[in-house]
Amino acid sequence: MLYGEYRIEDEIAVVKEEVREEVRKETWNEASKHEKLTIARNLLAKGSTPEFVQEITGLDMETIRELQK
């Protein structure tokens, strides 16, 4: 891009899209984690072992142990 072709509006549009994408990713990750925690709670309530819950959800054992309290 030549110096004369630079427009601040274009730069702002790029940054806005980058921020939107980051927010989408964070929202997806939070929803996914919430869903995994819900599944883990349900499995534990039905008597599943922590190891089984970890295998199914991918959560770490520390998180699963916290859910058991």
PDB file of N, CA and C in Angstrom:
ATOM      1  N   MET A   1       0.849  -1.170   0.000  1.00  0.00           N
ATOM      2  CA  MET A   1       0.000   0.000   0.000  1.00  0.00           C
ATOM      3  C   MET A   1       0.893   1.230   0.000  1.00  0.00           C
ATOM      4  N   LEU A   2       0.610   2.134  -0.865  1.00  0.00           N
ATOM      5  CA  LEU A   2       1.356   3.380  -0.917  1.00  0.00           C
ATOM      6  C   LEU A   2       0.857   4.326   0.158  1.00  0.00           C
ATOM      7  N   TYR A   3       1.731   5.210   0.567  1.00  0.00           N
ATOM      8  CA  TYR A   3       1.387   6.142   1.637  1.00  0.00           C
ATOM      9  C   TYR A   3       0.112   6.914   1.328  1.00  0.00           C
ATOM     10  N   GLY A   4      -0.047   7.346   0.120  1.00  0.00           N
ATOM     11  CA  GLY A   4      -1.212   8.129  -0.265  1.00  0.00           C
ATOM     12  C   GLY A   4      -2.503   7.325  -0.253  1.00  0.00           C
ATOM     13  N   GLU A   5      -2.401   5.980  -0.262  1.00  0.00           N
ATOM     14  CA  GLU A   5      -3.584   5.125  -0.282  1.00  0.00           C
ATOM     15  C   GLU A   5      -4.075   4.761   1.127  1.00  0.00           C
ATOM     16  N   TYR A   6      -3.283   5.067   2.132  1.00  0.00           N
ATOM     17  CA  TYR A   6      -3.643   4.702   3.514  1.00  0.00           C
ATOM     18  C   TYR A   6      -4.839   5.515   3.972  1.00  0.00           C
ATOM     19  N   ARG A   7      -5.805   4.774   4.543  1.00  0.00           N
ATOM     20  CA  ARG A   7      -6.967   5.453   5.109  1.00  0.00           C
ATOM     21  C   ARG A   7      -7.191   4.916   6.508  1.00  0.00           C
ATOM     22  N   ILE A   8      -7.343   5.810   7.439  1.00  0.00           N
ATOM     23  CA  ILE A   8      -7.562   5.417   8.833  1.00  0.00           C
ATOM     24  C   ILE A   8      -8.859   4.615   8.966  1.00  0.00           C
ATOM     25  N   GLU A   9      -9.849   4.919   8.132  1.00  0.00           N
ATOM     26  CA  GLU A   9     -11.121   4.201   8.177  1.00  0.00           C
ATOM     27  C   GLU A   9     -10.924   2.714   7.878  1.00  0.00           C
ATOM     28  N   ASP A  10     -10.017   2.417   6.942  1.00  0.00           N
ATOM     29  CA  ASP A  10      -9.722   1.024   6.612  1.00  0.00           C
ATOM     30  C   ASP A  10      -9.070   0.321   7.804  1.00  0.00           C
ATOM     31  N   GLU A  11      -8.158   0.990   8.444  1.00  0.00           N
ATOM     32  CA  GLU A  11      -7.483   0.419   9.620  1.00  0.00           C
ATOM     33  C   GLU A  11      -8.483   0.176  10.747  1.00  0.00           C
ATOM     34  N   ILE A  12      -9.378   1.101  10.968  1.00  0.00           N
ATOM     35  CA  ILE A  12     -10.403   0.948  12.006  1.00  0.00           C
ATOM     36  C   ILE A  12     -11.296  -0.242  11.693  1.00  0.00           C
ATOM     37  N   ALA A  13     -11.678  -0.395  10.440  1.00  0.00           N
ATOM     38  CA  ALA A  13     -12.533  -1.522  10.043  1.00  0.00           C
ATOM     39  C   ALA A  13     -11.833  -2.851  10.300  1.00  0.00           C
ATOM     40  N   VAL A  14     -10.550  -2.927  10.016  1.00  0.00           N
ATOM     41  CA  VAL A  14      -9.786  -4.155  10.253  1.00  0.00           C
ATOM     42  C   VAL A  14      -9.719  -4.463  11.746  1.00  0.00           C
ATOM     43  N   VAL A  15      -9.427  -3.471  12.548  1.00  0.00           N
ATOM     44  CA  VAL A  15      -9.334  -3.664  13.994  1.00  0.00           C
ATOM     45  C   VAL A  15     -10.685  -4.074  14.568  1.00  0.00           C
ATOM     46  N   LYS A  16     -11.757  -3.452  14.109  1.00  0.00           N
ATOM     47  CA  LYS A  16     -13.097  -3.819  14.583  1.00  0.00           C
ATOM     48  C   LYS A  16     -13.405  -5.278  14.282  1.00  0.00           C
ATOM     49  N   GLU A  17     -13.064  -5.729  13.091  1.00  0.00           N
ATOM     50  CA  GLU A  17     -13.322  -7.122  12.722  1.00  0.00           C
ATOM     51  C   GLU A  17     -12.482  -8.068  13.573  1.00  0.00           C
ATOM     52  N   GLU A  18     -11.260  -7.703  13.854  1.00  0.00           N
ATOM     53  CA  GLU A  18     -10.405  -8.525  14.717  1.00  0.00           C
ATOM     54  C   GLU A  18     -10.998  -8.630  16.122  1.00  0.00           C
ATOM     55  N   VAL A  19     -11.500  -7.533  16.639  1.00  0.00           N
ATOM     56  CA  VAL A  19     -12.121  -7.528  17.967  1.00  0.00           C
ATOM     57  C   VAL A  19     -13.386  -8.382  17.951  1.00  0.00           C
ATOM     58  N   ARG A  20     -14.206  -8.255  16.932  1.00  0.00           N
ATOM     59  CA  ARG A  20     -15.421  -9.072  16.821  1.00  0.00           C
ATOM     60  C   ARG A  20     -15.080 -10.559  16.829  1.00  0.00           C
ATOM     61  N   GLU A  21     -14.071 -10.930  16.074  1.00  0.00           N
ATOM     62  CA  GLU A  21     -13.666 -12.335  16.002  1.00  0.00           C
ATOM     63  C   GLU A  21     -13.178 -12.837  17.360  1.00  0.00           C
ATOM     64  N   GLU A  22     -12.420 -12.021  18.060  1.00  0.00           N
ATOM     65  CA  GLU A  22     -11.939 -12.408  19.392  1.00  0.00           C
ATOM     66  C   GLU A  22     -13.098 -12.574  20.370  1.00  0.00           C
ATOM     67  N   VAL A  23     -14.076 -11.692  20.311  1.00  0.00           N
ATOM     68  CA  VAL A  23     -15.252 -11.803  21.176  1.00  0.00           C
ATOM     69  C   VAL A  23     -16.034 -13.067  20.850  1.00  0.00           C
ATOM     70  N   ARG A  24     -16.177 -13.381  19.570  1.00  0.00           N
ATOM     71  CA  ARG A  24     -16.870 -14.619  19.175  1.00  0.00           C
ATOM     72  C   ARG A  24     -16.155 -15.840  19.740  1.00  0.00           C
ATOM     73  N   LYS A  25     -14.837 -15.861  19.642  1.00  0.00           N
ATOM     74  CA  LYS A  25     -14.063 -16.988  20.167  1.00  0.00           C
ATOM     75  C   LYS A  25     -14.232 -17.114  21.675  1.00  0.00           C
ATOM     76  N   GLU A  26     -14.132 -15.997  22.384  1.00  0.00           N
ATOM     77  CA  GLU A  26     -14.275 -16.028  23.838  1.00  0.00           C
ATOM     78  C   GLU A  26     -15.672 -16.485  24.246  1.00  0.00           C
ATOM     79  N   THR A  27     -16.682 -16.014  23.553  1.00  0.00           N
ATOM     80  CA  THR A  27     -18.054 -16.404  23.840  1.00  0.00           C
ATOM     81  C   THR A  27     -18.241 -17.894  23.607  1.00  0.00           C
ATOM     82  N   TRP A  28     -17.705 -18.399  22.511  1.00  0.00           N
ATOM     83  CA  TRP A  28     -17.797 -19.822  22.196  1.00  0.00           C
ATOM     84  C   TRP A  28     -17.091 -20.639  23.272  1.00  0.00           C
ATOM     85  N   ASN A  29     -15.899 -20.215  23.667  1.00  0.00           N
ATOM     86  CA  ASN A  29     -15.143 -20.951  24.686  1.00  0.00           C
ATOM     87  C   ASN A  29     -15.884 -20.980  26.016  1.00  0.00           C
ATOM     88  N   GLU A  30     -16.477 -19.871  26.402  1.00  0.00           N
ATOM     89  CA  GLU A  30     -17.229 -19.826  27.664  1.00  0.00           C
ATOM     90  C   GLU A  30     -18.454 -20.733  27.599  1.00  0.00           C
ATOM     91  N   ALA A  31     -19.163 -20.700  26.486  1.00  0.00           N
ATOM     92  CA  ALA A  31     -20.345 -21.554  26.330  1.00  0.00           C
ATOM     93  C   ALA A  31     -19.941 -23.017  26.348  1.00  0.00           C
ATOM     94  N   SER A  32     -18.852 -23.333  25.683  1.00  0.00           N
ATOM     95  CA  SER A  32     -18.366 -24.708  25.635  1.00  0.00           C
ATOM     96  C   SER A  32     -17.971 -25.189  27.023  1.00  0.00           C
ATOM     97  N   LYS A  33     -17.276 -24.348  27.778  1.00  0.00           N
ATOM     98  CA  LYS A  33     -16.861 -24.733  29.132  1.00  0.00           C
ATOM     99  C   LYS A  33     -18.087 -24.912  30.031  1.00  0.00           C
ATOM    100  N   HIS A  34     -19.045 -24.018  29.919  1.00  0.00           N
ATOM    101  CA  HIS A  34     -20.264 -24.118  30.721  1.00  0.00           C
ATOM    102  C   HIS A  34     -20.980 -25.438  30.424  1.00  0.00           C
ATOM    103  N   GLU A  35     -21.049 -25.788  29.151  1.00  0.00           N
ATOM    104  CA  GLU A  35     -21.697 -27.033  28.752  1.00  0.00           C
ATOM    105  C   GLU A  35     -20.951 -28.254  29.311  1.00  0.00           C
ATOM    106  N   LYS A  36     -19.636 -28.218  29.245  1.00  0.00           N
ATOM    107  CA  LYS A  36     -18.838 -29.320  29.795  1.00  0.00           C
ATOM    108  C   LYS A  36     -19.055 -29.462  31.299  1.00  0.00           C
ATOM    109  N   LEU A  37     -19.124 -28.346  32.003  1.00  0.00           N
ATOM    110  CA  LEU A  37     -19.355 -28.395  33.445  1.00  0.00           C
ATOM    111  C   LEU A  37     -20.729 -28.972  33.762  1.00  0.00           C
ATOM    112  N   THR A  38     -21.728 -28.607  32.975  1.00  0.00           N
ATOM    113  CA  THR A  38     -23.077 -29.133  33.168  1.00  0.00           C
ATOM    114  C   THR A  38     -23.099 -30.644  32.943  1.00  0.00           C
ATOM    115  N   ILE A  39     -22.454 -31.082  31.889  1.00  0.00           N
ATOM    116  CA  ILE A  39     -22.386 -32.514  31.606  1.00  0.00           C
ATOM    117  C   ILE A  39     -21.662 -33.242  32.731  1.00  0.00           C
ATOM    118  N   ALA A  40     -20.552 -32.678  33.194  1.00  0.00           N
ATOM    119  CA  ALA A  40     -19.787 -33.295  34.280  1.00  0.00           C
ATOM    120  C   ALA A  40     -20.632 -33.411  35.541  1.00  0.00           C
ATOM    121  N   ARG A  41     -21.342 -32.358  35.890  1.00  0.00           N
ATOM    122  CA  ARG A  41     -22.205 -32.399  37.088  1.00  0.00           C
ATOM    123  C   ARG A  41     -23.252 -33.508  36.957  1.00  0.00           C
ATOM    124  N   ASN A  42     -23.863 -33.586  35.791  1.00  0.00           N
ATOM    125  CA  ASN A  42     -24.885 -34.609  35.559  1.00  0.00           C
ATOM    126  C   ASN A  42     -24.306 -36.015  35.649  1.00  0.00           C
ATOM    127  N   LEU A  43     -23.149 -36.223  35.054  1.00  0.00           N
ATOM    128  CA  LEU A  43     -22.511 -37.540  35.110  1.00  0.00           C
ATOM    129  C   LEU A  43     -22.158 -37.922  36.553  1.00  0.00           C
ATOM    130  N   LEU A  44     -21.605 -36.979  37.279  1.00  0.00           N
ATOM    131  CA  LEU A  44     -21.249 -37.253  38.674  1.00  0.00           C
ATOM    132  C   LEU A  44     -22.491 -37.553  39.512  1.00  0.00           C
ATOM    133  N   ALA A  45     -23.557 -36.818  39.248  1.00  0.00           N
ATOM    134  CA  ALA A  45     -24.801 -37.039  39.987  1.00  0.00           C
ATOM    135  C   ALA A  45     -25.372 -38.433  39.716  1.00  0.00           C
ATOM    136  N   LYS A  46     -25.087 -38.972  38.553  1.00  0.00           N
ATOM    137  CA  LYS A  46     -25.569 -40.313  38.190  1.00  0.00           C
ATOM    138  C   LYS A  46     -24.598 -41.407  38.633  1.00  0.00           C
ATOM    139  N   GLY A  47     -23.517 -41.011  39.319  1.00  0.00           N
ATOM    140  CA  GLY A  47     -22.602 -41.997  39.863  1.00  0.00           C
ATOM    141  C   GLY A  47     -21.388 -42.328  39.011  1.00  0.00           C
ATOM    142  N   SER A  48     -21.144 -41.577  37.987  1.00  0.00           N
ATOM    143  CA  SER A  48     -19.971 -41.831  37.143  1.00  0.00           C
ATOM    144  C   SER A  48     -18.692 -41.527  37.909  1.00  0.00           C
ATOM    145  N   THR A  49     -17.636 -42.232  37.574  1.00  0.00           N
ATOM    146  CA  THR A  49     -16.350 -41.994  38.223  1.00  0.00           C
ATOM    147  C   THR A  49     -15.724 -40.719  37.670  1.00  0.00           C
ATOM    148  N   PRO A  50     -14.897 -40.059  38.468  1.00  0.00           N
ATOM    149  CA  PRO A  50     -14.205 -38.860  37.977  1.00  0.00           C
ATOM    150  C   PRO A  50     -13.379 -39.146  36.715  1.00  0.00           C
ATOM    151  N   GLU A  51     -12.777 -40.323  36.640  1.00  0.00           N
ATOM    152  CA  GLU A  51     -11.976 -40.678  35.466  1.00  0.00           C
ATOM    153  C   GLU A  51     -12.853 -40.749  34.209  1.00  0.00           C
ATOM    154  N   PHE A  52     -14.048 -41.309  34.352  1.00  0.00           N
ATOM    155  CA  PHE A  52     -14.973 -41.388  33.225  1.00  0.00           C
ATOM    156  C   PHE A  52     -15.410 -39.979  32.807  1.00  0.00           C
ATOM    157  N   VAL A  53     -15.708 -39.149  33.790  1.00  0.00           N
ATOM    158  CA  VAL A  53     -16.134 -37.774  33.500  1.00  0.00           C
ATOM    159  C   VAL A  53     -15.022 -37.033  32.759  1.00  0.00           C
ATOM    160  N   GLN A  54     -13.788 -37.239  33.198  1.00  0.00           N
ATOM    161  CA  GLN A  54     -12.657 -36.595  32.531  1.00  0.00           C
ATOM    162  C   GLN A  54     -12.537 -37.060  31.084  1.00  0.00           C
ATOM    163  N   GLU A  55     -12.700 -38.347  30.880  1.00  0.00           N
ATOM    164  CA  GLU A  55     -12.603 -38.908  29.531  1.00  0.00           C
ATOM    165  C   GLU A  55     -13.677 -38.324  28.609  1.00  0.00           C
ATOM    166  N   ILE A  56     -14.874 -38.178  29.125  1.00  0.00           N
ATOM    167  CA  ILE A  56     -15.992 -37.682  28.317  1.00  0.00           C
ATOM    168  C   ILE A  56     -15.906 -36.177  28.063  1.00  0.00           C
ATOM    169  N   THR A  57     -15.584 -35.409  29.104  1.00  0.00           N
ATOM    170  CA  THR A  57     -15.628 -33.946  28.993  1.00  0.00           C
ATOM    171  C   THR A  57     -14.298 -33.296  28.635  1.00  0.00           C
ATOM    172  N   GLY A  58     -13.194 -33.963  28.974  1.00  0.00           N
ATOM    173  CA  GLY A  58     -11.893 -33.356  28.755  1.00  0.00           C
ATOM    174  C   GLY A  58     -11.498 -32.368  29.836  1.00  0.00           C
ATOM    175  N   LEU A  59     -12.332 -32.259  30.876  1.00  0.00           N
ATOM    176  CA  LEU A  59     -11.999 -31.360  31.991  1.00  0.00           C
ATOM    177  C   LEU A  59     -10.854 -31.957  32.799  1.00  0.00           C
ATOM    178  N   ASP A  60     -10.099 -31.086  33.476  1.00  0.00           N
ATOM    179  CA  ASP A  60      -9.017 -31.585  34.316  1.00  0.00           C
ATOM    180  C   ASP A  60      -9.585 -32.128  35.625  1.00  0.00           C
ATOM    181  N   MET A  61      -8.825 -33.012  36.254  1.00  0.00           N
ATOM    182  CA  MET A  61      -9.292 -33.684  37.472  1.00  0.00           C
ATOM    183  C   MET A  61      -9.559 -32.698  38.609  1.00  0.00           C
ATOM    184  N   GLU A  62      -8.791 -31.643  38.694  1.00  0.00           N
ATOM    185  CA  GLU A  62      -9.005 -30.655  39.752  1.00  0.00           C
ATOM    186  C   GLU A  62     -10.398 -30.037  39.632  1.00  0.00           C
ATOM    187  N   THR A  63     -10.796 -29.692  38.435  1.00  0.00           N
ATOM    188  CA  THR A  63     -12.122 -29.123  38.203  1.00  0.00           C
ATOM    189  C   THR A  63     -13.203 -30.136  38.556  1.00  0.00           C
ATOM    190  N   ILE A  64     -12.994 -31.380  38.157  1.00  0.00           N
ATOM    191  CA  ILE A  64     -13.974 -32.426  38.444  1.00  0.00           C
ATOM    192  C   ILE A  64     -14.095 -32.643  39.947  1.00  0.00           C
ATOM    193  N   ARG A  65     -12.986 -32.648  40.648  1.00  0.00           N
ATOM    194  CA  ARG A  65     -13.009 -32.807  42.108  1.00  0.00           C
ATOM    195  C   ARG A  65     -13.757 -31.657  42.785  1.00  0.00           C
ATOM    196  N   GLU A  66     -13.576 -30.453  42.245  1.00  0.00           N
ATOM    197  CA  GLU A  66     -14.306 -29.303  42.789  1.00  0.00           C
ATOM    198  C   GLU A  66     -15.810 -29.478  42.611  1.00  0.00           C
ATOM    199  N   LEU A  67     -16.215 -30.078  41.515  1.00  0.00           N
ATOM    200  CA  LEU A  67     -17.642 -30.316  41.263  1.00  0.00           C
ATOM    201  C   LEU A  67     -18.218 -31.351  42.224  1.00  0.00           C
ATOM    202  N   GLN A  68     -17.385 -32.224  42.728  1.00  0.00           N
ATOM    203  CA  GLN A  68     -17.837 -33.269  43.642  1.00  0.00           C
ATOM    204  C   GLN A  68     -18.114 -32.731  45.050  1.00  0.00           C
ATOM    205  N   LYS A  69     -17.613 -31.559  45.370  1.00  0.00           N
ATOM    206  CA  LYS A  69     -17.780 -31.000  46.721  1.00  0.00           C
ATOM    207  C   LYS A  69     -19.183 -30.516  46.953  1.00  0.00           C
TER     208      LYS A  69
END
